[in-house]
Amino acid sequence: LRPSEIAAAAREAAPETTLAAWLVGRPAARRRLQWFLREGRHVKPRLGAEALVAAGIPRGRAVGAVLRALRDLRLDGGAGRPADEERLVQRESARYRKGESR
């Protein structure tokens, strides 16, 4: 699993479910959950909601979707520089201008 997938599963699960997964999981699963609890849950995109709106992303669900995509990009190692996140925002902004949505 990619780090973003681990983070999504741990974020969406009840704390009891995450604990149960850790208790019965194999060593690799335990390490992934420990990574999420120590580091992964704190990862945030460099750009905030207002920067996305300024770039042309519609307020509301669209901003949330792009923020999640930016966070996942960072978790998976695809956003080493601010320019990487800016490219994603430009691409998403162009999609919304064309009337496409996620």
N, C-alpha and C. Protein backbone atom coordinates (compact mmCIF):
# COMPACT_ATOMS: atom_id res chain seq x y z
N LEU A 1 0.83 -1.19 0.00
CA LEU A 1 0.00 0.00 0.00
C LEU A 1 0.87 1.25 0.00
N ARG A 2 0.40 2.27 -0.70
CA ARG A 2 1.10 3.56 -0.70
C ARG A 2 0.82 4.27 0.63
N PRO A 3 1.73 5.15 1.05
CA PRO A 3 1.49 5.89 2.30
C PRO A 3 0.15 6.61 2.33
N SER A 4 -0.29 7.17 1.19
CA SER A 4 -1.58 7.87 1.19
C SER A 4 -2.74 6.92 1.44
N GLU A 5 -2.62 5.68 0.98
CA GLU A 5 -3.68 4.69 1.21
C GLU A 5 -3.73 4.27 2.68
N ILE A 6 -2.56 4.11 3.28
CA ILE A 6 -2.49 3.78 4.70
C ILE A 6 -3.10 4.91 5.52
N ALA A 7 -2.72 6.14 5.17
CA ALA A 7 -3.23 7.30 5.90
C ALA A 7 -4.74 7.40 5.76
N ALA A 8 -5.27 7.19 4.55
CA ALA A 8 -6.71 7.28 4.35
C ALA A 8 -7.45 6.23 5.17
N ALA A 9 -6.95 5.01 5.17
CA ALA A 9 -7.61 3.94 5.93
C ALA A 9 -7.56 4.24 7.43
N ALA A 10 -6.42 4.68 7.94
CA ALA A 10 -6.30 4.96 9.37
C ALA A 10 -7.13 6.17 9.77
N ARG A 11 -7.20 7.17 8.89
CA ARG A 11 -7.97 8.38 9.18
C ARG A 11 -9.47 8.08 9.24
N GLU A 12 -9.93 7.21 8.35
CA GLU A 12 -11.36 6.92 8.25
C GLU A 12 -11.83 5.92 9.30
N ALA A 13 -10.92 5.15 9.86
CA ALA A 13 -11.30 4.11 10.82
C ALA A 13 -11.51 4.71 12.21
N ALA A 14 -12.35 4.06 12.96
CA ALA A 14 -12.51 4.43 14.37
C ALA A 14 -11.21 4.09 15.08
N PRO A 15 -10.87 4.83 16.13
CA PRO A 15 -9.62 4.53 16.86
C PRO A 15 -9.54 3.08 17.33
N GLU A 16 -10.67 2.52 17.72
CA GLU A 16 -10.68 1.12 18.17
C GLU A 16 -10.30 0.18 17.04
N THR A 17 -10.75 0.49 15.83
CA THR A 17 -10.43 -0.34 14.67
C THR A 17 -8.94 -0.28 14.36
N THR A 18 -8.37 0.91 14.45
CA THR A 18 -6.93 1.06 14.21
C THR A 18 -6.14 0.29 15.25
N LEU A 19 -6.56 0.37 16.51
CA LEU A 19 -5.90 -0.37 17.58
C LEU A 19 -6.01 -1.87 17.34
N ALA A 20 -7.19 -2.33 16.97
CA ALA A 20 -7.38 -3.76 16.70
C ALA A 20 -6.51 -4.21 15.54
N ALA A 21 -6.41 -3.40 14.51
CA ALA A 21 -5.55 -3.75 13.37
C ALA A 21 -4.11 -3.86 13.80
N TRP A 22 -3.68 -2.97 14.69
CA TRP A 22 -2.31 -3.03 15.18
C TRP A 22 -2.09 -4.29 16.02
N LEU A 23 -3.06 -4.62 16.88
CA LEU A 23 -2.91 -5.77 17.77
C LEU A 23 -2.84 -7.09 17.01
N VAL A 24 -3.63 -7.24 15.97
CA VAL A 24 -3.66 -8.52 15.25
C VAL A 24 -2.83 -8.51 13.97
N GLY A 25 -2.31 -7.35 13.63
CA GLY A 25 -1.58 -7.23 12.36
C GLY A 25 -0.20 -7.85 12.40
N ARG A 26 0.29 -8.10 11.21
CA ARG A 26 1.66 -8.60 11.06
C ARG A 26 2.63 -7.44 11.32
N PRO A 27 3.90 -7.75 11.49
CA PRO A 27 4.88 -6.69 11.78
C PRO A 27 4.88 -5.55 10.75
N ALA A 28 4.76 -5.87 9.47
CA ALA A 28 4.76 -4.81 8.45
C ALA A 28 3.55 -3.89 8.63
N ALA A 29 2.38 -4.46 8.92
CA ALA A 29 1.18 -3.66 9.12
C ALA A 29 1.33 -2.79 10.37
N ARG A 30 1.93 -3.34 11.40
CA ARG A 30 2.15 -2.56 12.63
C ARG A 30 3.07 -1.38 12.36
N ARG A 31 4.15 -1.62 11.61
CA ARG A 31 5.08 -0.54 11.29
C ARG A 31 4.37 0.56 10.50
N ARG A 32 3.51 0.19 9.56
CA ARG A 32 2.79 1.19 8.77
C ARG A 32 1.86 2.01 9.64
N LEU A 33 1.14 1.35 10.54
CA LEU A 33 0.25 2.08 11.44
C LEU A 33 1.03 2.98 12.39
N GLN A 34 2.14 2.50 12.89
CA GLN A 34 2.97 3.33 13.77
C GLN A 34 3.50 4.54 13.01
N TRP A 35 3.92 4.33 11.74
CA TRP A 35 4.37 5.46 10.92
C TRP A 35 3.27 6.50 10.79
N PHE A 36 2.04 6.02 10.51
CA PHE A 36 0.93 6.97 10.36
C PHE A 36 0.72 7.76 11.64
N LEU A 37 0.69 7.08 12.77
CA LEU A 37 0.42 7.76 14.04
C LEU A 37 1.52 8.73 14.42
N ARG A 38 2.78 8.39 14.10
CA ARG A 38 3.90 9.28 14.44
C ARG A 38 4.06 10.41 13.43
N GLU A 39 3.94 10.10 12.14
CA GLU A 39 4.30 11.07 11.11
C GLU A 39 3.19 11.37 10.11
N GLY A 40 2.61 10.34 9.55
CA GLY A 40 1.68 10.51 8.43
C GLY A 40 0.48 11.38 8.72
N ARG A 41 -0.05 11.30 9.91
CA ARG A 41 -1.25 12.09 10.22
C ARG A 41 -0.97 13.58 10.33
N HIS A 42 0.31 13.95 10.42
CA HIS A 42 0.67 15.36 10.54
C HIS A 42 1.01 16.00 9.20
N VAL A 43 1.06 15.20 8.14
CA VAL A 43 1.43 15.74 6.82
C VAL A 43 0.29 16.60 6.29
N LYS A 44 0.65 17.80 5.87
CA LYS A 44 -0.33 18.73 5.31
C LYS A 44 0.27 19.34 4.05
N PRO A 45 -0.59 19.76 3.13
CA PRO A 45 -0.06 20.43 1.94
C PRO A 45 0.53 21.78 2.31
N ARG A 46 1.44 22.24 1.48
CA ARG A 46 2.03 23.57 1.73
C ARG A 46 1.02 24.67 1.44
N LEU A 47 0.19 24.45 0.43
CA LEU A 47 -0.80 25.45 0.03
C LEU A 47 -2.07 25.25 0.83
N GLY A 48 -2.72 26.35 1.18
CA GLY A 48 -3.96 26.29 1.93
C GLY A 48 -5.17 26.56 1.05
N ALA A 49 -6.33 26.52 1.66
CA ALA A 49 -7.59 26.69 0.93
C ALA A 49 -7.66 28.02 0.19
N GLU A 50 -7.23 29.10 0.83
CA GLU A 50 -7.32 30.41 0.19
C GLU A 50 -6.43 30.49 -1.05
N ALA A 51 -5.27 29.85 -1.00
CA ALA A 51 -4.40 29.81 -2.19
C ALA A 51 -5.06 29.05 -3.33
N LEU A 52 -5.79 28.00 -2.99
CA LEU A 52 -6.49 27.22 -4.02
C LEU A 52 -7.61 28.04 -4.65
N VAL A 53 -8.37 28.74 -3.82
CA VAL A 53 -9.45 29.58 -4.34
C VAL A 53 -8.87 30.67 -5.24
N ALA A 54 -7.76 31.27 -4.81
CA ALA A 54 -7.11 32.30 -5.61
C ALA A 54 -6.63 31.75 -6.95
N ALA A 55 -6.32 30.45 -6.99
CA ALA A 55 -5.85 29.82 -8.22
C ALA A 55 -7.00 29.38 -9.12
N GLY A 56 -8.24 29.55 -8.64
CA GLY A 56 -9.39 29.22 -9.47
C GLY A 56 -10.12 27.94 -9.11
N ILE A 57 -9.78 27.34 -7.99
CA ILE A 57 -10.51 26.15 -7.53
C ILE A 57 -11.77 26.63 -6.83
N PRO A 58 -12.94 26.11 -7.21
CA PRO A 58 -14.19 26.56 -6.56
C PRO A 58 -14.22 26.20 -5.08
N ARG A 59 -14.76 27.11 -4.28
CA ARG A 59 -14.90 26.86 -2.84
C ARG A 59 -15.77 25.63 -2.61
N GLY A 60 -15.61 25.04 -1.44
CA GLY A 60 -16.42 23.90 -1.05
C GLY A 60 -15.73 22.58 -1.33
N ARG A 61 -16.49 21.63 -1.85
CA ARG A 61 -15.97 20.28 -2.07
C ARG A 61 -14.74 20.24 -2.97
N ALA A 62 -14.71 21.11 -3.95
CA ALA A 62 -13.57 21.12 -4.88
C ALA A 62 -12.28 21.45 -4.13
N VAL A 63 -12.33 22.45 -3.25
CA VAL A 63 -11.14 22.81 -2.47
C VAL A 63 -10.73 21.62 -1.60
N GLY A 64 -11.69 20.99 -0.95
CA GLY A 64 -11.38 19.82 -0.12
C GLY A 64 -10.74 18.70 -0.91
N ALA A 65 -11.26 18.45 -2.11
CA ALA A 65 -10.71 17.38 -2.95
C ALA A 65 -9.27 17.69 -3.36
N VAL A 66 -8.99 18.93 -3.71
CA VAL A 66 -7.63 19.30 -4.11
C VAL A 66 -6.70 19.28 -2.90
N LEU A 67 -7.16 19.71 -1.74
CA LEU A 67 -6.34 19.63 -0.53
C LEU A 67 -5.97 18.18 -0.23
N ARG A 68 -6.94 17.26 -0.37
CA ARG A 68 -6.64 15.83 -0.15
C ARG A 68 -5.64 15.33 -1.18
N ALA A 69 -5.79 15.74 -2.44
CA ALA A 69 -4.85 15.32 -3.49
C ALA A 69 -3.45 15.85 -3.19
N LEU A 70 -3.35 17.08 -2.72
CA LEU A 70 -2.05 17.66 -2.36
C LEU A 70 -1.41 16.91 -1.20
N ARG A 71 -2.22 16.60 -0.20
CA ARG A 71 -1.70 15.84 0.96
C ARG A 71 -1.22 14.46 0.51
N ASP A 72 -2.01 13.80 -0.33
CA ASP A 72 -1.61 12.48 -0.82
C ASP A 72 -0.33 12.55 -1.64
N LEU A 73 -0.18 13.60 -2.42
CA LEU A 73 1.03 13.80 -3.20
C LEU A 73 2.24 13.89 -2.28
N ARG A 74 2.11 14.63 -1.21
CA ARG A 74 3.22 14.75 -0.24
C ARG A 74 3.48 13.42 0.46
N LEU A 75 2.42 12.74 0.87
CA LEU A 75 2.60 11.45 1.56
C LEU A 75 3.32 10.45 0.68
N ASP A 76 3.02 10.45 -0.60
CA ASP A 76 3.60 9.47 -1.51
C ASP A 76 4.93 9.92 -2.09
N GLY A 77 5.44 11.06 -1.63
CA GLY A 77 6.75 11.52 -2.05
C GLY A 77 6.77 12.25 -3.38
N GLY A 78 5.62 12.65 -3.89
CA GLY A 78 5.58 13.31 -5.18
C GLY A 78 5.62 14.82 -5.13
N ALA A 79 5.74 15.38 -3.95
CA ALA A 79 5.76 16.84 -3.82
C ALA A 79 6.97 17.26 -3.01
N GLY A 80 8.12 17.08 -3.59
CA GLY A 80 9.34 17.44 -2.90
C GLY A 80 9.58 18.93 -2.83
N ARG A 81 8.98 19.66 -3.77
CA ARG A 81 9.18 21.12 -3.83
C ARG A 81 7.82 21.81 -3.94
N PRO A 82 7.75 23.06 -3.54
CA PRO A 82 6.48 23.79 -3.69
C PRO A 82 5.99 23.81 -5.15
N ALA A 83 6.92 23.82 -6.10
CA ALA A 83 6.52 23.84 -7.51
C ALA A 83 5.72 22.60 -7.89
N ASP A 84 5.98 21.46 -7.23
CA ASP A 84 5.23 20.24 -7.51
C ASP A 84 3.76 20.41 -7.14
N GLU A 85 3.52 21.03 -5.98
CA GLU A 85 2.14 21.27 -5.56
C GLU A 85 1.48 22.32 -6.47
N GLU A 86 2.23 23.33 -6.84
CA GLU A 86 1.67 24.37 -7.72
C GLU A 86 1.26 23.79 -9.07
N ARG A 87 2.04 22.85 -9.59
CA ARG A 87 1.67 22.20 -10.86
C ARG A 87 0.36 21.44 -10.73
N LEU A 88 0.20 20.73 -9.63
CA LEU A 88 -1.05 20.00 -9.41
C LEU A 88 -2.23 20.97 -9.35
N VAL A 89 -2.06 22.07 -8.64
CA VAL A 89 -3.13 23.07 -8.52
C VAL A 89 -3.45 23.67 -9.88
N GLN A 90 -2.45 23.98 -10.66
CA GLN A 90 -2.68 24.53 -12.01
C GLN A 90 -3.46 23.54 -12.87
N ARG A 91 -3.07 22.27 -12.80
CA ARG A 91 -3.76 21.23 -13.58
C ARG A 91 -5.22 21.11 -13.14
N GLU A 92 -5.45 21.09 -11.83
CA GLU A 92 -6.82 20.97 -11.32
C GLU A 92 -7.63 22.22 -11.65
N SER A 93 -7.03 23.38 -11.54
CA SER A 93 -7.72 24.63 -11.86
C SER A 93 -8.16 24.63 -13.32
N ALA A 94 -7.29 24.17 -14.21
CA ALA A 94 -7.64 24.09 -15.63
C ALA A 94 -8.81 23.14 -15.85
N ARG A 95 -8.85 22.04 -15.12
CA ARG A 95 -9.96 21.09 -15.24
C ARG A 95 -11.28 21.75 -14.82
N TYR A 96 -11.24 22.50 -13.74
CA TYR A 96 -12.47 23.15 -13.29
C TYR A 96 -12.91 24.25 -14.25
N ARG A 97 -11.95 24.96 -14.85
CA ARG A 97 -12.31 25.98 -15.83
C ARG A 97 -12.97 25.36 -17.06
N LYS A 98 -12.57 24.15 -17.40
CA LYS A 98 -13.14 23.44 -18.55
C LYS A 98 -14.49 22.80 -18.20
N GLY A 99 -14.86 22.85 -16.94
CA GLY A 99 -16.13 22.27 -16.51
C GLY A 99 -16.03 20.83 -16.07
N GLU A 100 -14.80 20.33 -15.97
CA GLU A 100 -14.61 18.96 -15.47
C GLU A 100 -14.61 19.02 -13.96
N SER A 101 -14.95 17.92 -13.34
CA SER A 101 -14.88 17.85 -11.88
C SER A 101 -14.31 16.52 -11.49
N ARG A 102 -13.96 16.41 -10.22
CA ARG A 102 -13.38 15.16 -9.71
C ARG A 102 -14.40 14.08 -9.65
